[in-house]
Amino acid sequence: MAWRLAERALAGVGDATLGEWREIGSRTVHLRRRVSDAERASLGGLEVRDVRGTDEERQRIDNVFREVPELRGLM
């Protein structure tokens, strides 16, 4: 189920043929993809950030729980 949710979250984002990484953590799965040249150009450049422990991280997690409330019991 976790991989399906991650894949759904990234539907239409990135290009798996350019690179895709799947990692299994102690409580989470991580799905990462390279962005396409078209995505990069449309965004005017990308910024990679570490959001761990920040307000942004908490907001992102809250958004996930709103979309998939059953995950709250897993975290």
PDB file of N, CA and C in Angstrom:
ATOM      1  N   MET A   1       0.808  -1.181   0.000  1.00  0.00           N
ATOM      2  CA  MET A   1       0.000   0.000   0.000  1.00  0.00           C
ATOM      3  C   MET A   1       0.866   1.266   0.000  1.00  0.00           C
ATOM      4  N   ALA A   2       1.952   1.269   0.741  1.00  0.00           N
ATOM      5  CA  ALA A   2       2.799   2.463   0.840  1.00  0.00           C
ATOM      6  C   ALA A   2       3.384   2.856  -0.511  1.00  0.00           C
ATOM      7  N   TRP A   3       3.834   1.869  -1.278  1.00  0.00           N
ATOM      8  CA  TRP A   3       4.398   2.195  -2.593  1.00  0.00           C
ATOM      9  C   TRP A   3       3.336   2.767  -3.516  1.00  0.00           C
ATOM     10  N   ARG A   4       2.120   2.216  -3.455  1.00  0.00           N
ATOM     11  CA  ARG A   4       1.032   2.748  -4.295  1.00  0.00           C
ATOM     12  C   ARG A   4       0.742   4.196  -3.939  1.00  0.00           C
ATOM     13  N   LEU A   5       0.737   4.519  -2.637  1.00  0.00           N
ATOM     14  CA  LEU A   5       0.494   5.901  -2.213  1.00  0.00           C
ATOM     15  C   LEU A   5       1.607   6.823  -2.702  1.00  0.00           C
ATOM     16  N   ALA A   6       2.832   6.365  -2.590  1.00  0.00           N
ATOM     17  CA  ALA A   6       3.964   7.179  -3.055  1.00  0.00           C
ATOM     18  C   ALA A   6       3.902   7.384  -4.562  1.00  0.00           C
ATOM     19  N   GLU A   7       3.577   6.333  -5.289  1.00  0.00           N
ATOM     20  CA  GLU A   7       3.464   6.442  -6.741  1.00  0.00           C
ATOM     21  C   GLU A   7       2.329   7.381  -7.125  1.00  0.00           C
ATOM     22  N   ARG A   8       1.217   7.292  -6.404  1.00  0.00           N
ATOM     23  CA  ARG A   8       0.082   8.186  -6.675  1.00  0.00           C
ATOM     24  C   ARG A   8       0.468   9.634  -6.384  1.00  0.00           C
ATOM     25  N   ALA A   9       1.207   9.842  -5.319  1.00  0.00           N
ATOM     26  CA  ALA A   9       1.627  11.199  -4.965  1.00  0.00           C
ATOM     27  C   ALA A   9       2.535  11.799  -6.028  1.00  0.00           C
ATOM     28  N   LEU A  10       3.319  10.963  -6.694  1.00  0.00           N
ATOM     29  CA  LEU A  10       4.242  11.450  -7.715  1.00  0.00           C
ATOM     30  C   LEU A  10       3.711  11.285  -9.141  1.00  0.00           C
ATOM     31  N   ALA A  11       2.455  10.926  -9.280  1.00  0.00           N
ATOM     32  CA  ALA A  11       1.884  10.755 -10.619  1.00  0.00           C
ATOM     33  C   ALA A  11       2.043  12.049 -11.410  1.00  0.00           C
ATOM     34  N   GLY A  12       2.672  11.933 -12.568  1.00  0.00           N
ATOM     35  CA  GLY A  12       2.867  13.100 -13.420  1.00  0.00           C
ATOM     36  C   GLY A  12       4.030  13.983 -13.022  1.00  0.00           C
ATOM     37  N   VAL A  13       4.793  13.552 -12.034  1.00  0.00           N
ATOM     38  CA  VAL A  13       5.934  14.338 -11.555  1.00  0.00           C
ATOM     39  C   VAL A  13       7.203  13.536 -11.759  1.00  0.00           C
ATOM     40  N   GLY A  14       8.212  14.188 -12.274  1.00  0.00           N
ATOM     41  CA  GLY A  14       9.486  13.515 -12.472  1.00  0.00           C
ATOM     42  C   GLY A  14       9.446  12.552 -13.640  1.00  0.00           C
ATOM     43  N   ASP A  15      10.588  11.984 -13.907  1.00  0.00           N
ATOM     44  CA  ASP A  15      10.727  11.039 -15.016  1.00  0.00           C
ATOM     45  C   ASP A  15      11.529   9.845 -14.517  1.00  0.00           C
ATOM     46  N   ALA A  16      10.815   8.764 -14.261  1.00  0.00           N
ATOM     47  CA  ALA A  16      11.461   7.565 -13.724  1.00  0.00           C
ATOM     48  C   ALA A  16      12.536   7.018 -14.652  1.00  0.00           C
ATOM     49  N   THR A  17      12.418   7.274 -15.961  1.00  0.00           N
ATOM     50  CA  THR A  17      13.430   6.766 -16.886  1.00  0.00           C
ATOM     51  C   THR A  17      14.761   7.502 -16.720  1.00  0.00           C
ATOM     52  N   LEU A  18      14.725   8.696 -16.118  1.00  0.00           N
ATOM     53  CA  LEU A  18      15.957   9.446 -15.843  1.00  0.00           C
ATOM     54  C   LEU A  18      16.600   9.023 -14.531  1.00  0.00           C
ATOM     55  N   GLY A  19      15.833   8.351 -13.703  1.00  0.00           N
ATOM     56  CA  GLY A  19      16.328   7.880 -12.416  1.00  0.00           C
ATOM     57  C   GLY A  19      15.210   7.850 -11.398  1.00  0.00           C
ATOM     58  N   GLU A  20      15.098   6.743 -10.705  1.00  0.00           N
ATOM     59  CA  GLU A  20      14.106   6.594  -9.639  1.00  0.00           C
ATOM     60  C   GLU A  20      14.738   5.760  -8.537  1.00  0.00           C
ATOM     61  N   TRP A  21      14.532   6.174  -7.287  1.00  0.00           N
ATOM     62  CA  TRP A  21      15.105   5.482  -6.141  1.00  0.00           C
ATOM     63  C   TRP A  21      14.010   5.162  -5.154  1.00  0.00           C
ATOM     64  N   ARG A  22      14.035   3.945  -4.656  1.00  0.00           N
ATOM     65  CA  ARG A  22      13.080   3.494  -3.637  1.00  0.00           C
ATOM     66  C   ARG A  22      13.868   3.050  -2.419  1.00  0.00           C
ATOM     67  N   GLU A  23      13.473   3.573  -1.287  1.00  0.00           N
ATOM     68  CA  GLU A  23      14.135   3.218  -0.028  1.00  0.00           C
ATOM     69  C   GLU A  23      13.069   2.891   1.009  1.00  0.00           C
ATOM     70  N   ILE A  24      13.380   1.954   1.854  1.00  0.00           N
ATOM     71  CA  ILE A  24      12.479   1.591   2.940  1.00  0.00           C
ATOM     72  C   ILE A  24      13.144   1.982   4.255  1.00  0.00           C
ATOM     73  N   GLY A  25      12.478   2.886   4.978  1.00  0.00           N
ATOM     74  CA  GLY A  25      12.975   3.308   6.280  1.00  0.00           C
ATOM     75  C   GLY A  25      12.330   2.479   7.379  1.00  0.00           C
ATOM     76  N   SER A  26      12.547   2.873   8.610  1.00  0.00           N
ATOM     77  CA  SER A  26      11.978   2.118   9.721  1.00  0.00           C
ATOM     78  C   SER A  26      10.462   2.279   9.806  1.00  0.00           C
ATOM     79  N   ARG A  27       9.942   3.441   9.362  1.00  0.00           N
ATOM     80  CA  ARG A  27       8.496   3.669   9.395  1.00  0.00           C
ATOM     81  C   ARG A  27       7.940   4.232   8.097  1.00  0.00           C
ATOM     82  N   THR A  28       8.790   4.461   7.129  1.00  0.00           N
ATOM     83  CA  THR A  28       8.352   5.118   5.904  1.00  0.00           C
ATOM     84  C   THR A  28       8.992   4.489   4.681  1.00  0.00           C
ATOM     85  N   VAL A  29       8.419   4.801   3.536  1.00  0.00           N
ATOM     86  CA  VAL A  29       9.067   4.496   2.269  1.00  0.00           C
ATOM     87  C   VAL A  29       9.370   5.824   1.594  1.00  0.00           C
ATOM     88  N   HIS A  30      10.412   5.835   0.798  1.00  0.00           N
ATOM     89  CA  HIS A  30      10.808   7.042   0.077  1.00  0.00           C
ATOM     90  C   HIS A  30      10.906   6.701  -1.397  1.00  0.00           C
ATOM     91  N   LEU A  31      10.221   7.482  -2.205  1.00  0.00           N
ATOM     92  CA  LEU A  31      10.277   7.327  -3.652  1.00  0.00           C
ATOM     93  C   LEU A  31      10.764   8.650  -4.217  1.00  0.00           C
ATOM     94  N   ARG A  32      11.896   8.596  -4.888  1.00  0.00           N
ATOM     95  CA  ARG A  32      12.482   9.810  -5.457  1.00  0.00           C
ATOM     96  C   ARG A  32      12.664   9.613  -6.953  1.00  0.00           C
ATOM     97  N   ARG A  33      12.433  10.710  -7.681  1.00  0.00           N
ATOM     98  CA  ARG A  33      12.628  10.672  -9.131  1.00  0.00           C
ATOM     99  C   ARG A  33      13.365  11.919  -9.570  1.00  0.00           C
ATOM    100  N   ARG A  34      14.098  11.777 -10.643  1.00  0.00           N
ATOM    101  CA  ARG A  34      14.700  12.950 -11.276  1.00  0.00           C
ATOM    102  C   ARG A  34      13.605  13.716 -12.014  1.00  0.00           C
ATOM    103  N   VAL A  35      13.706  15.024 -12.007  1.00  0.00           N
ATOM    104  CA  VAL A  35      12.753  15.831 -12.770  1.00  0.00           C
ATOM    105  C   VAL A  35      13.218  15.911 -14.215  1.00  0.00           C
ATOM    106  N   SER A  36      12.262  16.098 -15.089  1.00  0.00           N
ATOM    107  CA  SER A  36      12.592  16.204 -16.515  1.00  0.00           C
ATOM    108  C   SER A  36      13.098  17.612 -16.817  1.00  0.00           C
ATOM    109  N   ASP A  37      13.738  17.764 -17.963  1.00  0.00           N
ATOM    110  CA  ASP A  37      14.200  19.090 -18.384  1.00  0.00           C
ATOM    111  C   ASP A  37      13.018  20.044 -18.520  1.00  0.00           C
ATOM    112  N   ALA A  38      11.890  19.543 -19.023  1.00  0.00           N
ATOM    113  CA  ALA A  38      10.700  20.391 -19.184  1.00  0.00           C
ATOM    114  C   ALA A  38      10.191  20.881 -17.833  1.00  0.00           C
ATOM    115  N   GLU A  39      10.169  19.998 -16.819  1.00  0.00           N
ATOM    116  CA  GLU A  39       9.747  20.412 -15.476  1.00  0.00           C
ATOM    117  C   GLU A  39      10.700  21.452 -14.912  1.00  0.00           C
ATOM    118  N   ARG A  40      11.975  21.200 -15.055  1.00  0.00           N
ATOM    119  CA  ARG A  40      12.982  22.119 -14.537  1.00  0.00           C
ATOM    120  C   ARG A  40      12.810  23.503 -15.174  1.00  0.00           C
ATOM    121  N   ALA A  41      12.615  23.539 -16.475  1.00  0.00           N
ATOM    122  CA  ALA A  41      12.455  24.811 -17.189  1.00  0.00           C
ATOM    123  C   ALA A  41      11.171  25.522 -16.763  1.00  0.00           C
ATOM    124  N   SER A  42      10.091  24.768 -16.582  1.00  0.00           N
ATOM    125  CA  SER A  42       8.811  25.395 -16.227  1.00  0.00           C
ATOM    126  C   SER A  42       8.822  25.959 -14.812  1.00  0.00           C
ATOM    127  N   LEU A  43       9.691  25.452 -13.974  1.00  0.00           N
ATOM    128  CA  LEU A  43       9.768  25.919 -12.591  1.00  0.00           C
ATOM    129  C   LEU A  43      10.804  27.022 -12.405  1.00  0.00           C
ATOM    130  N   GLY A  44      11.535  27.324 -13.440  1.00  0.00           N
ATOM    131  CA  GLY A  44      12.544  28.372 -13.318  1.00  0.00           C
ATOM    132  C   GLY A  44      13.708  27.963 -12.434  1.00  0.00           C
ATOM    133  N   GLY A  45      13.972  26.695 -12.371  1.00  0.00           N
ATOM    134  CA  GLY A  45      15.049  26.187 -11.514  1.00  0.00           C
ATOM    135  C   GLY A  45      14.455  25.533 -10.285  1.00  0.00           C
ATOM    136  N   LEU A  46      15.167  24.612  -9.724  1.00  0.00           N
ATOM    137  CA  LEU A  46      14.693  23.892  -8.548  1.00  0.00           C
ATOM    138  C   LEU A  46      15.644  24.107  -7.383  1.00  0.00           C
ATOM    139  N   GLU A  47      15.080  24.053  -6.211  1.00  0.00           N
ATOM    140  CA  GLU A  47      15.875  24.166  -4.994  1.00  0.00           C
ATOM    141  C   GLU A  47      15.658  22.901  -4.181  1.00  0.00           C
ATOM    142  N   VAL A  48      16.718  22.228  -3.824  1.00  0.00           N
ATOM    143  CA  VAL A  48      16.634  21.039  -2.997  1.00  0.00           C
ATOM    144  C   VAL A  48      16.850  21.460  -1.552  1.00  0.00           C
ATOM    145  N   ARG A  49      15.939  21.032  -0.694  1.00  0.00           N
ATOM    146  CA  ARG A  49      16.026  21.425   0.710  1.00  0.00           C
ATOM    147  C   ARG A  49      15.824  20.217   1.610  1.00  0.00           C
ATOM    148  N   ASP A  50      16.394  20.280   2.779  1.00  0.00           N
ATOM    149  CA  ASP A  50      16.162  19.297   3.819  1.00  0.00           C
ATOM    150  C   ASP A  50      15.111  19.897   4.746  1.00  0.00           C
ATOM    151  N   VAL A  51      13.928  19.293   4.797  1.00  0.00           N
ATOM    152  CA  VAL A  51      12.839  19.856   5.595  1.00  0.00           C
ATOM    153  C   VAL A  51      12.661  19.155   6.934  1.00  0.00           C
ATOM    154  N   ARG A  52      13.557  18.223   7.250  1.00  0.00           N
ATOM    155  CA  ARG A  52      13.397  17.482   8.502  1.00  0.00           C
ATOM    156  C   ARG A  52      13.454  18.408   9.706  1.00  0.00           C
ATOM    157  N   GLY A  53      12.428  18.291  10.550  1.00  0.00           N
ATOM    158  CA  GLY A  53      12.383  19.067  11.789  1.00  0.00           C
ATOM    159  C   GLY A  53      11.927  20.500  11.616  1.00  0.00           C
ATOM    160  N   THR A  54      11.421  20.861  10.438  1.00  0.00           N
ATOM    161  CA  THR A  54      11.005  22.242  10.187  1.00  0.00           C
ATOM    162  C   THR A  54       9.479  22.349  10.181  1.00  0.00           C
ATOM    163  N   ASP A  55       8.992  23.580  10.216  1.00  0.00           N
ATOM    164  CA  ASP A  55       7.553  23.818  10.088  1.00  0.00           C
ATOM    165  C   ASP A  55       7.046  23.292   8.747  1.00  0.00           C
ATOM    166  N   GLU A  56       7.864  23.429   7.712  1.00  0.00           N
ATOM    167  CA  GLU A  56       7.469  22.928   6.386  1.00  0.00           C
ATOM    168  C   GLU A  56       7.239  21.423   6.431  1.00  0.00           C
ATOM    169  N   GLU A  57       8.111  20.701   7.128  1.00  0.00           N
ATOM    170  CA  GLU A  57       7.927  19.251   7.245  1.00  0.00           C
ATOM    171  C   GLU A  57       6.605  18.937   7.927  1.00  0.00           C
ATOM    172  N   ARG A  58       6.316  19.616   9.031  1.00  0.00           N
ATOM    173  CA  ARG A  58       5.068  19.359   9.752  1.00  0.00           C
ATOM    174  C   ARG A  58       3.851  19.649   8.875  1.00  0.00           C
ATOM    175  N   GLN A  59       3.911  20.720   8.082  1.00  0.00           N
ATOM    176  CA  GLN A  59       2.809  21.048   7.183  1.00  0.00           C
ATOM    177  C   GLN A  59       2.639  19.965   6.112  1.00  0.00           C
ATOM    178  N   ARG A  60       3.748  19.477   5.585  1.00  0.00           N
ATOM    179  CA  ARG A  60       3.673  18.421   4.572  1.00  0.00           C
ATOM    180  C   ARG A  60       3.059  17.150   5.158  1.00  0.00           C
ATOM    181  N   ILE A  61       3.463  16.798   6.368  1.00  0.00           N
ATOM    182  CA  ILE A  61       2.911  15.607   7.019  1.00  0.00           C
ATOM    183  C   ILE A  61       1.428  15.799   7.297  1.00  0.00           C
ATOM    184  N   ASP A  62       1.035  16.977   7.763  1.00  0.00           N
ATOM    185  CA  ASP A  62      -0.384  17.255   7.988  1.00  0.00           C
ATOM    186  C   ASP A  62      -1.173  17.094   6.700  1.00  0.00           C
ATOM    187  N   ASN A  63      -0.614  17.547   5.585  1.00  0.00           N
ATOM    188  CA  ASN A  63      -1.282  17.409   4.288  1.00  0.00           C
ATOM    189  C   ASN A  63      -1.457  15.936   3.917  1.00  0.00           C
ATOM    190  N   VAL A  64      -0.432  15.127   4.176  1.00  0.00           N
ATOM    191  CA  VAL A  64      -0.525  13.693   3.887  1.00  0.00           C
ATOM    192  C   VAL A  64      -1.625  13.064   4.728  1.00  0.00           C
ATOM    193  N   PHE A  65      -1.681  13.394   6.025  1.00  0.00           N
ATOM    194  CA  PHE A  65      -2.697  12.820   6.903  1.00  0.00           C
ATOM    195  C   PHE A  65      -4.104  13.248   6.492  1.00  0.00           C
ATOM    196  N   ARG A  66      -4.256  14.447   5.983  1.00  0.00           N
ATOM    197  CA  ARG A  66      -5.570  14.874   5.495  1.00  0.00           C
ATOM    198  C   ARG A  66      -5.997  14.033   4.287  1.00  0.00           C
ATOM    199  N   GLU A  67      -5.046  13.723   3.424  1.00  0.00           N
ATOM    200  CA  GLU A  67      -5.340  12.932   2.230  1.00  0.00           C
ATOM    201  C   GLU A  67      -5.530  11.445   2.549  1.00  0.00           C
ATOM    202  N   VAL A  68      -4.726  10.936   3.486  1.00  0.00           N
ATOM    203  CA  VAL A  68      -4.751   9.500   3.815  1.00  0.00           C
ATOM    204  C   VAL A  68      -4.728   9.366   5.343  1.00  0.00           C
ATOM    205  N   PRO A  69      -5.872   9.600   5.996  1.00  0.00           N
ATOM    206  CA  PRO A  69      -5.899   9.610   7.473  1.00  0.00           C
ATOM    207  C   PRO A  69      -5.478   8.292   8.120  1.00  0.00           C
ATOM    208  N   GLU A  70      -5.639   7.173   7.412  1.00  0.00           N
ATOM    209  CA  GLU A  70      -5.258   5.888   8.011  1.00  0.00           C
ATOM    210  C   GLU A  70      -3.755   5.779   8.267  1.00  0.00           C
ATOM    211  N   LEU A  71      -2.960   6.657   7.644  1.00  0.00           N
ATOM    212  CA  LEU A  71      -1.517   6.633   7.891  1.00  0.00           C
ATOM    213  C   LEU A  71      -1.165   7.169   9.269  1.00  0.00           C
ATOM    214  N   ARG A  72      -2.049   7.980   9.861  1.00  0.00           N
ATOM    215  CA  ARG A  72      -1.744   8.586  11.161  1.00  0.00           C
ATOM    216  C   ARG A  72      -1.413   7.518  12.203  1.00  0.00           C
ATOM    217  N   GLY A  73      -2.091   6.379  12.144  1.00  0.00           N
ATOM    218  CA  GLY A  73      -1.824   5.310  13.096  1.00  0.00           C
ATOM    219  C   GLY A  73      -0.488   4.627  12.894  1.00  0.00           C
ATOM    220  N   LEU A  74       0.126   4.831  11.741  1.00  0.00           N
ATOM    221  CA  LEU A  74       1.415   4.203  11.445  1.00  0.00           C
ATOM    222  C   LEU A  74       2.591   5.078  11.847  1.00  0.00           C
ATOM    223  N   MET A  75       2.359   6.324  12.084  1.00  0.00           N
ATOM    224  CA  MET A  75       3.443   7.264  12.373  1.00  0.00           C
ATOM    225  C   MET A  75       3.570   7.507  13.861  1.00  0.00           C
TER     226      MET A  75
END
